Amino acid sequence: MDLRIFTEPQQGADYDTLLRVAKATEDLGFDAFFRSDHYLAMGSSDGLPGPTDAWITLAGLARETSRIRLGTLMTAGTFRLPGVLAIQVAQVDRMSGGRVELGLGAGWYAEEHTAYGIPFPKEKFGRLEEQLAIVTGLWGTPVGEKFDFDGRYYQLADSPALPKPAQGRVPVLIGGLGATRTPRLAARYADEFNVPFSSVEDSDRQFGRVRAAAEEAGRKPGDLVYSNALVVCVGRDDAEVARRAAAIGREADELKENGLAGSPAEVVDKIGRYAEIGCSRVYLQILDLDDLDHLELISSAVQSQLG
């Protein structure tokens, strides 16, 4: 079971804070550092000191880390033109020595688009499908050949399809709970499918849909990685769990029901239930980025018990 650290910097974190968390992620033996792609805080947070851009952040971390994988859950398709995104991700992949992964979603948070003057189109899913075709098509075009695309939303002509990533293929993550179109899109483009913030039962159902879609598309279902993203709140005792839950504005009992919360033993047991349905990777949503002791506890008392 891979454990990855997943952050939500729009809630209030500057680059230096993210660098500290990323370095702790690497030092403590976690598999990867991922971040969201948002420009506006959610809920009651004031978001100070303000948003950081996902790919600018990852470019910096690419030069200041050496082992961990780096990526997004999920890059908002509404924020970037697909040709520009392909260049950005390929460059950061080269800057990291081939450690980047691209999670790409349609975009959903209308208010942040209004706040920063970003268009929020109605036809988001159709655009996402074309974006995936373009990004992967640009990367997959042999050097010296040109890439063309004539879609409903995007048109490219005579693109040199450069630069190329350091990796032969940058892993592409697709996620969500859509019952039909999302599994089909994952079957066509994804290396990994992620179910965000869902129960074991709902995750099992969605993984099943993706496996069926993969078979229908002529892929082996086992060729995809199946993962979950879950909020985490671990404590050595009930008081520590309650303190950490309060620090992120949540109740311990609610987190135990809807996330990974409780003692290390409780969290290991719940991760095991996700493993039973085929999940092999968990993104641990860390909401208090100043609590590095939390990461140390997860590493020493949870990660150490997982194979």
C-alpha atoms as a PDB file:
ATOM      1  CA  MET A   1       0.000   0.000   0.000  1.00  0.00           C
ATOM      2  CA  ASP A   2       1.475   3.343  -1.088  1.00  0.00           C
ATOM      3  CA  LEU A   3       0.769   6.277   1.214  1.00  0.00           C
ATOM      4  CA  ARG A   4       0.910   9.706  -0.379  1.00  0.00           C
ATOM      5  CA  ILE A   5       0.604  13.097   1.276  1.00  0.00           C
ATOM      6  CA  PHE A   6      -2.120  15.290  -0.227  1.00  0.00           C
ATOM      7  CA  THR A   7      -2.387  18.985   0.650  1.00  0.00           C
ATOM      8  CA  GLU A   8      -5.000  21.713   0.128  1.00  0.00           C
ATOM      9  CA  PRO A   9      -2.892  24.905   0.020  1.00  0.00           C
ATOM     10  CA  GLN A  10      -5.800  27.169  -0.957  1.00  0.00           C
ATOM     11  CA  GLN A  11      -6.913  26.911   2.666  1.00  0.00           C
ATOM     12  CA  GLY A  12      -3.849  28.915   3.683  1.00  0.00           C
ATOM     13  CA  ALA A  13      -0.243  27.972   2.921  1.00  0.00           C
ATOM     14  CA  ASP A  14       2.675  29.689   1.263  1.00  0.00           C
ATOM     15  CA  TYR A  15       5.456  28.005  -0.687  1.00  0.00           C
ATOM     16  CA  ASP A  16       7.771  27.747   2.332  1.00  0.00           C
ATOM     17  CA  THR A  17       5.097  25.826   4.247  1.00  0.00           C
ATOM     18  CA  LEU A  18       4.582  23.468   1.324  1.00  0.00           C
ATOM     19  CA  LEU A  19       8.327  22.960   1.007  1.00  0.00           C
ATOM     20  CA  ARG A  20       8.567  21.944   4.667  1.00  0.00           C
ATOM     21  CA  VAL A  21       5.752  19.438   4.213  1.00  0.00           C
ATOM     22  CA  ALA A  22       7.265  18.076   0.992  1.00  0.00           C
ATOM     23  CA  LYS A  23      10.670  17.621   2.614  1.00  0.00           C
ATOM     24  CA  ALA A  24       9.055  15.876   5.591  1.00  0.00           C
ATOM     25  CA  THR A  25       7.137  13.693   3.117  1.00  0.00           C
ATOM     26  CA  GLU A  26      10.430  12.654   1.559  1.00  0.00           C
ATOM     27  CA  ASP A  27      12.368  12.249   4.811  1.00  0.00           C
ATOM     28  CA  LEU A  28       9.622  10.145   6.422  1.00  0.00           C
ATOM     29  CA  GLY A  29       9.445   7.655   3.583  1.00  0.00           C
ATOM     30  CA  PHE A  30       6.107   8.520   2.012  1.00  0.00           C
ATOM     31  CA  ASP A  31       5.661   7.802  -1.672  1.00  0.00           C
ATOM     32  CA  ALA A  32       4.603  11.203  -2.990  1.00  0.00           C
ATOM     33  CA  PHE A  33       3.573  14.793  -2.335  1.00  0.00           C
ATOM     34  CA  PHE A  34       0.410  15.917  -4.122  1.00  0.00           C
ATOM     35  CA  ARG A  35      -1.571  19.121  -3.955  1.00  0.00           C
ATOM     36  CA  SER A  36      -4.931  20.459  -5.032  1.00  0.00           C
ATOM     37  CA  ASP A  37      -5.315  23.030  -7.797  1.00  0.00           C
ATOM     38  CA  HIS A  38      -7.491  25.822  -6.425  1.00  0.00           C
ATOM     39  CA  TYR A  39      -7.238  29.595  -6.199  1.00  0.00           C
ATOM     40  CA  LEU A  40      -9.922  30.255  -3.564  1.00  0.00           C
ATOM     41  CA  ALA A  41     -10.298  28.993  -0.005  1.00  0.00           C
ATOM     42  CA  MET A  42     -13.335  26.969   0.946  1.00  0.00           C
ATOM     43  CA  GLY A  43     -15.465  27.103   4.068  1.00  0.00           C
ATOM     44  CA  SER A  44     -14.563  29.486   6.877  1.00  0.00           C
ATOM     45  CA  SER A  45     -10.836  29.746   6.087  1.00  0.00           C
ATOM     46  CA  ASP A  46      -9.548  33.204   5.159  1.00  0.00           C
ATOM     47  CA  GLY A  47      -6.986  31.554   2.891  1.00  0.00           C
ATOM     48  CA  LEU A  48      -4.156  33.798   4.067  1.00  0.00           C
ATOM     49  CA  PRO A  49      -1.584  34.506   2.772  1.00  0.00           C
ATOM     50  CA  GLY A  50      -3.355  33.675  -0.504  1.00  0.00           C
ATOM     51  CA  PRO A  51      -3.271  30.972  -3.167  1.00  0.00           C
ATOM     52  CA  THR A  52      -0.241  29.321  -4.691  1.00  0.00           C
ATOM     53  CA  ASP A  53      -0.265  27.975  -8.234  1.00  0.00           C
ATOM     54  CA  ALA A  54      -0.064  24.187  -8.403  1.00  0.00           C
ATOM     55  CA  TRP A  55       2.450  23.833 -11.221  1.00  0.00           C
ATOM     56  CA  ILE A  56       4.668  26.711 -10.091  1.00  0.00           C
ATOM     57  CA  THR A  57       4.773  25.080  -6.659  1.00  0.00           C
ATOM     58  CA  LEU A  58       5.610  21.666  -8.119  1.00  0.00           C
ATOM     59  CA  ALA A  59       8.346  23.187 -10.282  1.00  0.00           C
ATOM     60  CA  GLY A  60      10.002  24.552  -7.151  1.00  0.00           C
ATOM     61  CA  LEU A  61       9.614  21.278  -5.284  1.00  0.00           C
ATOM     62  CA  ALA A  62      11.019  19.394  -8.262  1.00  0.00           C
ATOM     63  CA  ARG A  63      14.357  21.108  -7.661  1.00  0.00           C
ATOM     64  CA  GLU A  64      14.282  20.796  -3.875  1.00  0.00           C
ATOM     65  CA  THR A  65      13.375  17.118  -3.511  1.00  0.00           C
ATOM     66  CA  SER A  66      15.021  14.036  -4.975  1.00  0.00           C
ATOM     67  CA  ARG A  67      12.863  10.935  -4.473  1.00  0.00           C
ATOM     68  CA  ILE A  68       9.158  11.551  -3.977  1.00  0.00           C
ATOM     69  CA  ARG A  69       6.641  11.618  -6.796  1.00  0.00           C
ATOM     70  CA  LEU A  70       4.955  15.000  -7.375  1.00  0.00           C
ATOM     71  CA  GLY A  71       1.514  15.711  -8.765  1.00  0.00           C
ATOM     72  CA  THR A  72      -1.985  17.145  -8.594  1.00  0.00           C
ATOM     73  CA  LEU A  73      -5.362  15.950  -7.390  1.00  0.00           C
ATOM     74  CA  MET A  74      -6.652  17.361  -9.645  1.00  0.00           C
ATOM     75  CA  THR A  75      -5.401  20.007 -12.053  1.00  0.00           C
ATOM     76  CA  ALA A  76      -8.471  22.012 -13.076  1.00  0.00           C
ATOM     77  CA  GLY A  77      -9.051  21.728 -16.801  1.00  0.00           C
ATOM     78  CA  THR A  78     -10.671  25.169 -16.780  1.00  0.00           C
ATOM     79  CA  PHE A  79      -7.443  26.848 -15.624  1.00  0.00           C
ATOM     80  CA  ARG A  80      -5.104  25.960 -18.496  1.00  0.00           C
ATOM     81  CA  LEU A  81      -5.191  25.481 -22.242  1.00  0.00           C
ATOM     82  CA  PRO A  82      -4.189  21.878 -22.999  1.00  0.00           C
ATOM     83  CA  GLY A  83      -1.168  22.754 -25.130  1.00  0.00           C
ATOM     84  CA  VAL A  84       0.184  25.031 -22.413  1.00  0.00           C
ATOM     85  CA  LEU A  85      -0.498  22.379 -19.771  1.00  0.00           C
ATOM     86  CA  ALA A  86       1.412  19.768 -21.774  1.00  0.00           C
ATOM     87  CA  ILE A  87       4.429  22.097 -21.899  1.00  0.00           C
ATOM     88  CA  GLN A  88       4.209  22.932 -18.183  1.00  0.00           C
ATOM     89  CA  VAL A  89       3.948  19.330 -17.019  1.00  0.00           C
ATOM     90  CA  ALA A  90       6.684  18.115 -19.368  1.00  0.00           C
ATOM     91  CA  GLN A  91       9.009  20.851 -18.124  1.00  0.00           C
ATOM     92  CA  VAL A  92       8.355  20.103 -14.453  1.00  0.00           C
ATOM     93  CA  ASP A  93       8.850  16.409 -15.178  1.00  0.00           C
ATOM     94  CA  ARG A  94      12.280  17.194 -16.612  1.00  0.00           C
ATOM     95  CA  MET A  95      13.068  19.471 -13.680  1.00  0.00           C
ATOM     96  CA  SER A  96      12.272  16.594 -11.313  1.00  0.00           C
ATOM     97  CA  GLY A  97      14.167  13.919 -13.219  1.00  0.00           C
ATOM     98  CA  GLY A  98      10.966  12.131 -14.173  1.00  0.00           C
ATOM     99  CA  ARG A  99       8.906  12.152 -10.962  1.00  0.00           C
ATOM    100  CA  VAL A 100       5.723  13.940 -12.052  1.00  0.00           C
ATOM    101  CA  GLU A 101       2.157  12.643 -12.346  1.00  0.00           C
ATOM    102  CA  LEU A 102      -0.794  14.541 -13.787  1.00  0.00           C
ATOM    103  CA  GLY A 103      -4.198  14.348 -12.206  1.00  0.00           C
ATOM    104  CA  LEU A 104      -6.594  16.161 -14.508  1.00  0.00           C
ATOM    105  CA  GLY A 105     -10.226  17.009 -13.824  1.00  0.00           C
ATOM    106  CA  ALA A 106     -12.917  19.104 -15.447  1.00  0.00           C
ATOM    107  CA  GLY A 107     -12.932  21.902 -12.833  1.00  0.00           C
ATOM    108  CA  TRP A 108     -15.956  22.581 -10.655  1.00  0.00           C
ATOM    109  CA  TYR A 109     -15.546  25.503  -8.238  1.00  0.00           C
ATOM    110  CA  ALA A 110     -17.411  28.335  -9.972  1.00  0.00           C
ATOM    111  CA  GLU A 111     -16.662  30.983  -7.324  1.00  0.00           C
ATOM    112  CA  GLU A 112     -12.896  30.851  -7.806  1.00  0.00           C
ATOM    113  CA  HIS A 113     -13.364  31.410 -11.521  1.00  0.00           C
ATOM    114  CA  THR A 114     -15.462  34.489 -10.802  1.00  0.00           C
ATOM    115  CA  ALA A 115     -12.935  35.726  -8.236  1.00  0.00           C
ATOM    116  CA  TYR A 116     -10.000  35.592 -10.653  1.00  0.00           C
ATOM    117  CA  GLY A 117     -11.656  36.226 -14.005  1.00  0.00           C
ATOM    118  CA  ILE A 118     -11.302  32.677 -15.318  1.00  0.00           C
ATOM    119  CA  PRO A 119     -13.937  31.519 -17.812  1.00  0.00           C
ATOM    120  CA  PHE A 120     -16.189  28.777 -16.453  1.00  0.00           C
ATOM    121  CA  PRO A 121     -17.633  27.009 -19.498  1.00  0.00           C
ATOM    122  CA  LYS A 122     -20.802  24.972 -19.433  1.00  0.00           C
ATOM    123  CA  GLU A 123     -19.404  22.066 -21.450  1.00  0.00           C
ATOM    124  CA  LYS A 124     -16.654  21.073 -19.025  1.00  0.00           C
ATOM    125  CA  PHE A 125     -16.623  17.297 -19.495  1.00  0.00           C
ATOM    126  CA  GLY A 126     -16.385  17.462 -23.275  1.00  0.00           C
ATOM    127  CA  ARG A 127     -13.493  19.876 -22.908  1.00  0.00           C
ATOM    128  CA  LEU A 128     -11.777  17.536 -20.450  1.00  0.00           C
ATOM    129  CA  GLU A 129     -11.974  14.682 -22.937  1.00  0.00           C
ATOM    130  CA  GLU A 130     -10.328  16.798 -25.626  1.00  0.00           C
ATOM    131  CA  GLN A 131      -7.720  18.068 -23.160  1.00  0.00           C
ATOM    132  CA  LEU A 132      -6.700  14.509 -22.304  1.00  0.00           C
ATOM    133  CA  ALA A 133      -6.463  13.631 -25.984  1.00  0.00           C
ATOM    134  CA  ILE A 134      -4.302  16.676 -26.676  1.00  0.00           C
ATOM    135  CA  VAL A 135      -1.957  16.416 -23.691  1.00  0.00           C
ATOM    136  CA  THR A 136      -1.300  12.696 -24.176  1.00  0.00           C
ATOM    137  CA  GLY A 137      -1.174  13.154 -27.953  1.00  0.00           C
ATOM    138  CA  LEU A 138       1.452  15.873 -27.747  1.00  0.00           C
ATOM    139  CA  TRP A 139       3.618  13.785 -25.434  1.00  0.00           C
ATOM    140  CA  GLY A 140       3.198  10.679 -27.546  1.00  0.00           C
ATOM    141  CA  THR A 141       4.093  12.267 -30.886  1.00  0.00           C
ATOM    142  CA  PRO A 142       7.584  11.128 -32.005  1.00  0.00           C
ATOM    143  CA  VAL A 143      10.246  13.823 -32.110  1.00  0.00           C
ATOM    144  CA  GLY A 144      10.397  15.275 -35.596  1.00  0.00           C
ATOM    145  CA  GLU A 145       6.732  14.645 -36.322  1.00  0.00           C
ATOM    146  CA  LYS A 146       3.846  17.101 -36.020  1.00  0.00           C
ATOM    147  CA  PHE A 147       0.647  16.875 -34.014  1.00  0.00           C
ATOM    148  CA  ASP A 148      -2.751  18.058 -35.255  1.00  0.00           C
ATOM    149  CA  PHE A 149      -6.085  18.055 -33.497  1.00  0.00           C
ATOM    150  CA  ASP A 150      -9.444  19.241 -34.784  1.00  0.00           C
ATOM    151  CA  GLY A 151     -11.946  19.092 -31.960  1.00  0.00           C
ATOM    152  CA  ARG A 152     -15.098  20.892 -31.000  1.00  0.00           C
ATOM    153  CA  TYR A 153     -13.342  23.006 -28.372  1.00  0.00           C
ATOM    154  CA  TYR A 154      -9.661  22.951 -29.336  1.00  0.00           C
ATOM    155  CA  GLN A 155      -7.789  22.944 -32.627  1.00  0.00           C
ATOM    156  CA  LEU A 156      -4.027  22.451 -33.022  1.00  0.00           C
ATOM    157  CA  ALA A 157      -2.159  22.499 -36.336  1.00  0.00           C
ATOM    158  CA  ASP A 158       1.459  21.632 -37.147  1.00  0.00           C
ATOM    159  CA  SER A 159       2.485  21.489 -33.493  1.00  0.00           C
ATOM    160  CA  PRO A 160       6.085  20.321 -32.987  1.00  0.00           C
ATOM    161  CA  ALA A 161       4.752  18.622 -29.837  1.00  0.00           C
ATOM    162  CA  LEU A 162       7.683  19.724 -27.715  1.00  0.00           C
ATOM    163  CA  PRO A 163       9.058  19.501 -25.098  1.00  0.00           C
ATOM    164  CA  LYS A 164       8.886  15.840 -24.171  1.00  0.00           C
ATOM    165  CA  PRO A 165       8.679  14.729 -20.524  1.00  0.00           C
ATOM    166  CA  ALA A 166      11.640  12.936 -18.966  1.00  0.00           C
ATOM    167  CA  GLN A 167       9.454   9.872 -18.437  1.00  0.00           C
ATOM    168  CA  GLY A 168       8.435   7.778 -21.380  1.00  0.00           C
ATOM    169  CA  ARG A 169       4.882   8.300 -20.171  1.00  0.00           C
ATOM    170  CA  VAL A 170       3.760  10.696 -17.453  1.00  0.00           C
ATOM    171  CA  PRO A 171       1.175   8.802 -15.385  1.00  0.00           C
ATOM    172  CA  VAL A 172      -2.302  10.273 -15.850  1.00  0.00           C
ATOM    173  CA  LEU A 173      -4.816  10.205 -13.001  1.00  0.00           C
ATOM    174  CA  ILE A 174      -8.549  10.499 -13.519  1.00  0.00           C
ATOM    175  CA  GLY A 175     -11.056  10.370 -10.692  1.00  0.00           C
ATOM    176  CA  GLY A 176     -14.595  10.934  -9.549  1.00  0.00           C
ATOM    177  CA  LEU A 177     -17.893   9.196  -8.945  1.00  0.00           C
ATOM    178  CA  GLY A 178     -19.596   9.620 -12.321  1.00  0.00           C
ATOM    179  CA  ALA A 179     -21.249   6.341 -13.227  1.00  0.00           C
ATOM    180  CA  THR A 180     -20.788   6.258 -16.996  1.00  0.00           C
ATOM    181  CA  ARG A 181     -18.657   8.894 -18.701  1.00  0.00           C
ATOM    182  CA  THR A 182     -15.941   9.028 -16.025  1.00  0.00           C
ATOM    183  CA  PRO A 183     -15.169   5.276 -16.125  1.00  0.00           C
ATOM    184  CA  ARG A 184     -15.104   5.369 -19.931  1.00  0.00           C
ATOM    185  CA  LEU A 185     -12.680   8.283 -19.901  1.00  0.00           C
ATOM    186  CA  ALA A 186     -10.475   6.518 -17.353  1.00  0.00           C
ATOM    187  CA  ALA A 187     -10.472   3.357 -19.433  1.00  0.00           C
ATOM    188  CA  ARG A 188      -9.190   5.323 -22.397  1.00  0.00           C
ATOM    189  CA  TYR A 189      -6.610   7.629 -20.825  1.00  0.00           C
ATOM    190  CA  ALA A 190      -5.847   6.835 -17.178  1.00  0.00           C
ATOM    191  CA  ASP A 191      -2.944   5.030 -15.589  1.00  0.00           C
ATOM    192  CA  GLU A 192      -4.638   5.462 -12.214  1.00  0.00           C
ATOM    193  CA  PHE A 193      -8.225   5.912 -11.097  1.00  0.00           C
ATOM    194  CA  ASN A 194      -8.931   7.785  -7.878  1.00  0.00           C
ATOM    195  CA  VAL A 195     -12.095   7.826  -5.785  1.00  0.00           C
ATOM    196  CA  PRO A 196     -12.192  10.927  -3.565  1.00  0.00           C
ATOM    197  CA  PHE A 197     -13.574  10.968  -0.020  1.00  0.00           C
ATOM    198  CA  SER A 198     -15.879   7.969  -0.311  1.00  0.00           C
ATOM    199  CA  SER A 199     -16.808   4.912   1.694  1.00  0.00           C
ATOM    200  CA  VAL A 200     -15.421   1.453   1.057  1.00  0.00           C
ATOM    201  CA  GLU A 201     -18.768   0.445  -0.435  1.00  0.00           C
ATOM    202  CA  ASP A 202     -19.003   3.403  -2.821  1.00  0.00           C
ATOM    203  CA  SER A 203     -15.365   2.986  -3.811  1.00  0.00           C
ATOM    204  CA  ASP A 204     -15.873  -0.698  -4.540  1.00  0.00           C
ATOM    205  CA  ARG A 205     -18.842   0.112  -6.763  1.00  0.00           C
ATOM    206  CA  GLN A 206     -16.892   2.752  -8.709  1.00  0.00           C
ATOM    207  CA  PHE A 207     -13.793   0.593  -9.076  1.00  0.00           C
ATOM    208  CA  GLY A 208     -16.074  -2.072 -10.525  1.00  0.00           C
ATOM    209  CA  ARG A 209     -17.416   0.350 -13.114  1.00  0.00           C
ATOM    210  CA  VAL A 210     -13.890   1.328 -14.142  1.00  0.00           C
ATOM    211  CA  ARG A 211     -12.779  -2.300 -14.412  1.00  0.00           C
ATOM    212  CA  ALA A 212     -15.786  -3.048 -16.621  1.00  0.00           C
ATOM    213  CA  ALA A 213     -15.081   0.001 -18.792  1.00  0.00           C
ATOM    214  CA  ALA A 214     -11.438  -1.044 -19.140  1.00  0.00           C
ATOM    215  CA  GLU A 215     -12.454  -4.507 -20.327  1.00  0.00           C
ATOM    216  CA  GLU A 216     -14.901  -2.992 -22.796  1.00  0.00           C
ATOM    217  CA  ALA A 217     -12.104  -0.764 -24.119  1.00  0.00           C
ATOM    218  CA  GLY A 218      -9.809  -3.737 -24.583  1.00  0.00           C
ATOM    219  CA  ARG A 219      -7.577  -3.045 -21.574  1.00  0.00           C
ATOM    220  CA  LYS A 220      -6.751  -5.320 -18.706  1.00  0.00           C
ATOM    221  CA  PRO A 221      -8.455  -3.916 -15.584  1.00  0.00           C
ATOM    222  CA  GLY A 222      -5.299  -4.696 -13.639  1.00  0.00           C
ATOM    223  CA  ASP A 223      -3.306  -2.296 -15.793  1.00  0.00           C
ATOM    224  CA  LEU A 224      -4.782   0.600 -13.800  1.00  0.00           C
ATOM    225  CA  VAL A 225      -3.856   1.613 -10.274  1.00  0.00           C
ATOM    226  CA  TYR A 226      -6.937   2.069  -8.049  1.00  0.00           C
ATOM    227  CA  SER A 227      -6.627   4.656  -5.288  1.00  0.00           C
ATOM    228  CA  ASN A 228      -8.558   6.617  -2.682  1.00  0.00           C
ATOM    229  CA  ALA A 229      -8.188  10.100  -1.240  1.00  0.00           C
ATOM    230  CA  LEU A 230      -9.224  10.364   2.406  1.00  0.00           C
ATOM    231  CA  VAL A 231      -8.817  12.928   5.155  1.00  0.00           C
ATOM    232  CA  VAL A 232      -6.509  11.637   7.889  1.00  0.00           C
ATOM    233  CA  CYS A 233      -6.422  12.377  11.606  1.00  0.00           C
ATOM    234  CA  VAL A 234      -4.290  10.038  13.726  1.00  0.00           C
ATOM    235  CA  GLY A 235      -3.517  10.296  17.427  1.00  0.00           C
ATOM    236  CA  ARG A 236      -1.779   8.225  20.054  1.00  0.00           C
ATOM    237  CA  ASP A 237      -4.898   8.484  22.214  1.00  0.00           C
ATOM    238  CA  ASP A 238      -8.440   9.868  22.014  1.00  0.00           C
ATOM    239  CA  ALA A 239      -7.374  13.275  23.305  1.00  0.00           C
ATOM    240  CA  GLU A 240      -4.780  13.682  20.567  1.00  0.00           C
ATOM    241  CA  VAL A 241      -7.261  12.616  17.900  1.00  0.00           C
ATOM    242  CA  ALA A 242      -9.796  15.134  19.258  1.00  0.00           C
ATOM    243  CA  ARG A 243      -7.182  17.901  19.325  1.00  0.00           C
ATOM    244  CA  ARG A 244      -6.154  17.267  15.733  1.00  0.00           C
ATOM    245  CA  ALA A 245      -9.771  17.069  14.611  1.00  0.00           C
ATOM    246  CA  ALA A 246     -10.580  20.383  16.306  1.00  0.00           C
ATOM    247  CA  ALA A 247      -7.568  22.012  14.655  1.00  0.00           C
ATOM    248  CA  ILE A 248      -9.141  21.376  11.236  1.00  0.00           C
ATOM    249  CA  GLY A 249     -12.679  22.228  12.324  1.00  0.00           C
ATOM    250  CA  ARG A 250     -13.981  18.654  12.379  1.00  0.00           C
ATOM    251  CA  GLU A 251     -15.342  16.198  14.938  1.00  0.00           C
ATOM    252  CA  ALA A 252     -13.402  13.034  15.708  1.00  0.00           C
ATOM    253  CA  ASP A 253     -16.409  10.731  15.400  1.00  0.00           C
ATOM    254  CA  GLU A 254     -17.350  12.211  12.023  1.00  0.00           C
ATOM    255  CA  LEU A 255     -13.785  11.760  10.778  1.00  0.00           C
ATOM    256  CA  LYS A 256     -13.775   8.132  11.909  1.00  0.00           C
ATOM    257  CA  GLU A 257     -16.930   7.584   9.874  1.00  0.00           C
ATOM    258  CA  ASN A 258     -15.885   9.481   6.758  1.00  0.00           C
ATOM    259  CA  GLY A 259     -12.090   9.386   6.756  1.00  0.00           C
ATOM    260  CA  LEU A 260      -9.070   7.738   8.335  1.00  0.00           C
ATOM    261  CA  ALA A 261      -9.167   8.760  11.973  1.00  0.00           C
ATOM    262  CA  GLY A 262      -8.384   7.318  15.373  1.00  0.00           C
ATOM    263  CA  SER A 263      -5.465   5.399  16.763  1.00  0.00           C
ATOM    264  CA  PRO A 264      -2.788   3.987  14.445  1.00  0.00           C
ATOM    265  CA  ALA A 265      -4.373   0.554  14.830  1.00  0.00           C
ATOM    266  CA  GLU A 266      -7.814   1.872  13.839  1.00  0.00           C
ATOM    267  CA  VAL A 267      -6.406   3.618  10.789  1.00  0.00           C
ATOM    268  CA  VAL A 268      -4.399   0.568   9.693  1.00  0.00           C
ATOM    269  CA  ASP A 269      -7.537  -1.534  10.014  1.00  0.00           C
ATOM    270  CA  LYS A 270      -9.595   0.837   7.883  1.00  0.00           C
ATOM    271  CA  ILE A 271      -6.895   1.088   5.221  1.00  0.00           C
ATOM    272  CA  GLY A 272      -7.004  -2.699   5.144  1.00  0.00           C
ATOM    273  CA  ARG A 273     -10.695  -2.564   4.236  1.00  0.00           C
ATOM    274  CA  TYR A 274      -9.871  -0.368   1.245  1.00  0.00           C
ATOM    275  CA  ALA A 275      -7.072  -2.737   0.273  1.00  0.00           C
ATOM    276  CA  GLU A 276      -9.564  -5.612   0.190  1.00  0.00           C
ATOM    277  CA  ILE A 277     -11.494  -3.941  -2.662  1.00  0.00           C
ATOM    278  CA  GLY A 278      -8.365  -3.421  -4.740  1.00  0.00           C
ATOM    279  CA  CYS A 279      -7.119  -0.033  -3.538  1.00  0.00           C
ATOM    280  CA  SER A 280      -3.319  -0.020  -3.584  1.00  0.00           C
ATOM    281  CA  ARG A 281      -2.665   3.671  -2.944  1.00  0.00           C
ATOM    282  CA  VAL A 282      -4.118   6.168  -0.474  1.00  0.00           C
ATOM    283  CA  TYR A 283      -3.768   9.929  -0.650  1.00  0.00           C
ATOM    284  CA  LEU A 284      -3.800  11.186   2.929  1.00  0.00           C
ATOM    285  CA  GLN A 285      -5.433  14.614   2.982  1.00  0.00           C
ATOM    286  CA  ILE A 286      -3.439  16.688   5.476  1.00  0.00           C
ATOM    287  CA  LEU A 287      -5.290  19.859   6.412  1.00  0.00           C
ATOM    288  CA  ASP A 288      -3.062  21.169   9.237  1.00  0.00           C
ATOM    289  CA  LEU A 289       0.211  21.768   7.409  1.00  0.00           C
ATOM    290  CA  ASP A 290       1.982  23.079  10.502  1.00  0.00           C
ATOM    291  CA  ASP A 291       1.594  19.773  12.389  1.00  0.00           C
ATOM    292  CA  LEU A 292       4.620  17.860  11.132  1.00  0.00           C
ATOM    293  CA  ASP A 293       4.439  15.615  14.213  1.00  0.00           C
ATOM    294  CA  HIS A 294       1.266  14.223  12.654  1.00  0.00           C
ATOM    295  CA  LEU A 295       3.248  13.110   9.598  1.00  0.00           C
ATOM    296  CA  GLU A 296       5.906  11.552  11.809  1.00  0.00           C
ATOM    297  CA  LEU A 297       3.274   9.574  13.713  1.00  0.00           C
ATOM    298  CA  ILE A 298       1.649   8.335  10.518  1.00  0.00           C
ATOM    299  CA  SER A 299       5.037   7.281   9.196  1.00  0.00           C
ATOM    300  CA  SER A 300       6.211   5.488  12.325  1.00  0.00           C
ATOM    301  CA  ALA A 301       2.940   3.932  13.505  1.00  0.00           C
ATOM    302  CA  VAL A 302       0.774   3.510  10.394  1.00  0.00           C
ATOM    303  CA  GLN A 303       2.997   3.279   7.335  1.00  0.00           C
ATOM    304  CA  SER A 304       5.369   0.935   9.125  1.00  0.00           C
ATOM    305  CA  GLN A 305       2.550  -1.625   9.508  1.00  0.00           C
ATOM    306  CA  LEU A 306       1.543  -1.628   5.849  1.00  0.00           C
ATOM    307  CA  GLY A 307       3.157  -3.911   3.323  1.00  0.00           C
END
